[in-house]
């Protein structure tokens, strides 16, 4: 695994709030990680490994459910 991929993986694992893909890309781009294909690839791998989850995180007042990725503790 390249150093860049390793750093992207660490940056994803450092997320403390639930996120959607757009949020994640934006957050990582602010840290200098701009290769979206690597970001998505690492997110997929972390999900497959069980490090990242995806589930309902809340329900809006209008009754719509909100789903997001999150780092499992």
C-alpha atoms as a PDB file:
ATOM      1  CA  UNK A   1       0.000   0.000   0.000  1.00  0.00           C
ATOM      2  CA  UNK A   2       1.361   3.409  -0.937  1.00  0.00           C
ATOM      3  CA  UNK A   3       1.955   6.109   1.657  1.00  0.00           C
ATOM      4  CA  UNK A   4      -0.794   8.222   0.070  1.00  0.00           C
ATOM      5  CA  UNK A   5      -3.354   5.426   0.419  1.00  0.00           C
ATOM      6  CA  UNK A   6      -2.247   4.815   3.993  1.00  0.00           C
ATOM      7  CA  UNK A   7      -2.705   8.509   4.831  1.00  0.00           C
ATOM      8  CA  UNK A   8      -6.142   8.593   3.176  1.00  0.00           C
ATOM      9  CA  UNK A   9      -7.134   5.535   5.194  1.00  0.00           C
ATOM     10  CA  UNK A  10      -5.983   7.188   8.418  1.00  0.00           C
ATOM     11  CA  UNK A  11      -7.843  10.387   7.531  1.00  0.00           C
ATOM     12  CA  UNK A  12     -11.056   8.430   6.978  1.00  0.00           C
ATOM     13  CA  UNK A  13     -10.615   6.563  10.258  1.00  0.00           C
ATOM     14  CA  UNK A  14     -10.082   9.893  12.041  1.00  0.00           C
ATOM     15  CA  UNK A  15     -13.631  11.034  11.237  1.00  0.00           C
ATOM     16  CA  UNK A  16     -15.502  11.665  14.471  1.00  0.00           C
ATOM     17  CA  UNK A  17     -18.892  12.623  12.990  1.00  0.00           C
ATOM     18  CA  UNK A  18     -21.128  10.630  10.637  1.00  0.00           C
ATOM     19  CA  UNK A  19     -20.594  11.553   6.991  1.00  0.00           C
ATOM     20  CA  UNK A  20     -21.921  11.119   3.489  1.00  0.00           C
ATOM     21  CA  UNK A  21     -19.536  10.647   0.582  1.00  0.00           C
ATOM     22  CA  UNK A  22     -19.704  14.323  -0.404  1.00  0.00           C
ATOM     23  CA  UNK A  23     -18.833  15.346   3.162  1.00  0.00           C
ATOM     24  CA  UNK A  24     -15.930  12.918   3.301  1.00  0.00           C
ATOM     25  CA  UNK A  25     -14.459  14.093   0.005  1.00  0.00           C
ATOM     26  CA  UNK A  26     -14.795  17.717   1.056  1.00  0.00           C
ATOM     27  CA  UNK A  27     -13.194  17.101   4.449  1.00  0.00           C
ATOM     28  CA  UNK A  28     -10.283  15.177   2.943  1.00  0.00           C
ATOM     29  CA  UNK A  29      -9.729  17.699   0.139  1.00  0.00           C
ATOM     30  CA  UNK A  30      -9.297  20.355   2.833  1.00  0.00           C
ATOM     31  CA  UNK A  31      -6.464  18.195   4.184  1.00  0.00           C
ATOM     32  CA  UNK A  32      -4.824  17.900   0.753  1.00  0.00           C
ATOM     33  CA  UNK A  33      -6.202  14.506  -0.317  1.00  0.00           C
ATOM     34  CA  UNK A  34      -7.624  15.155  -3.765  1.00  0.00           C
ATOM     35  CA  UNK A  35      -7.650  11.757  -5.473  1.00  0.00           C
ATOM     36  CA  UNK A  36     -11.333  10.874  -5.257  1.00  0.00           C
ATOM     37  CA  UNK A  37     -10.901   7.389  -6.676  1.00  0.00           C
ATOM     38  CA  UNK A  38      -8.461   6.491  -3.901  1.00  0.00           C
ATOM     39  CA  UNK A  39     -10.724   8.043  -1.254  1.00  0.00           C
ATOM     40  CA  UNK A  40     -13.674   5.965  -2.481  1.00  0.00           C
ATOM     41  CA  UNK A  41     -11.551   2.841  -2.817  1.00  0.00           C
ATOM     42  CA  UNK A  42     -10.254   3.153   0.737  1.00  0.00           C
ATOM     43  CA  UNK A  43     -13.771   3.849   2.034  1.00  0.00           C
ATOM     44  CA  UNK A  44     -14.966   0.666   0.298  1.00  0.00           C
ATOM     45  CA  UNK A  45     -12.130  -1.362   1.803  1.00  0.00           C
ATOM     46  CA  UNK A  46     -12.754   0.006   5.296  1.00  0.00           C
ATOM     47  CA  UNK A  47     -16.460  -0.793   4.917  1.00  0.00           C
ATOM     48  CA  UNK A  48     -15.679  -4.346   3.751  1.00  0.00           C
ATOM     49  CA  UNK A  49     -13.311  -4.774   6.719  1.00  0.00           C
ATOM     50  CA  UNK A  50     -16.040  -3.687   9.133  1.00  0.00           C
ATOM     51  CA  UNK A  51     -14.262  -0.512  10.258  1.00  0.00           C
ATOM     52  CA  UNK A  52     -16.848   1.773   8.643  1.00  0.00           C
ATOM     53  CA  UNK A  53     -20.580   1.293   9.034  1.00  0.00           C
ATOM     54  CA  UNK A  54     -23.592   2.706   7.204  1.00  0.00           C
ATOM     55  CA  UNK A  55     -26.905   3.065   8.957  1.00  0.00           C
ATOM     56  CA  UNK A  56     -29.739   5.385   9.939  1.00  0.00           C
ATOM     57  CA  UNK A  57     -28.344   8.090  12.178  1.00  0.00           C
ATOM     58  CA  UNK A  58     -31.436  10.234  12.766  1.00  0.00           C
ATOM     59  CA  UNK A  59     -34.918  11.091  11.645  1.00  0.00           C
ATOM     60  CA  UNK A  60     -35.811  14.623  10.559  1.00  0.00           C
ATOM     61  CA  UNK A  61     -38.843  16.393  11.952  1.00  0.00           C
ATOM     62  CA  UNK A  62     -40.534  15.798   8.583  1.00  0.00           C
ATOM     63  CA  UNK A  63     -40.249  12.043   9.163  1.00  0.00           C
ATOM     64  CA  UNK A  64     -37.497  11.386   6.624  1.00  0.00           C
ATOM     65  CA  UNK A  65     -34.741   9.104   7.821  1.00  0.00           C
ATOM     66  CA  UNK A  66     -31.110  10.148   7.411  1.00  0.00           C
ATOM     67  CA  UNK A  67     -28.453   7.556   6.671  1.00  0.00           C
ATOM     68  CA  UNK A  68     -24.683   8.099   6.841  1.00  0.00           C
ATOM     69  CA  UNK A  69     -21.331   6.383   7.100  1.00  0.00           C
ATOM     70  CA  UNK A  70     -19.613   6.331  10.484  1.00  0.00           C
ATOM     71  CA  UNK A  71     -16.506   4.884  12.058  1.00  0.00           C
ATOM     72  CA  UNK A  72     -17.368   1.921  14.249  1.00  0.00           C
ATOM     73  CA  UNK A  73     -16.028   2.125  17.785  1.00  0.00           C
END
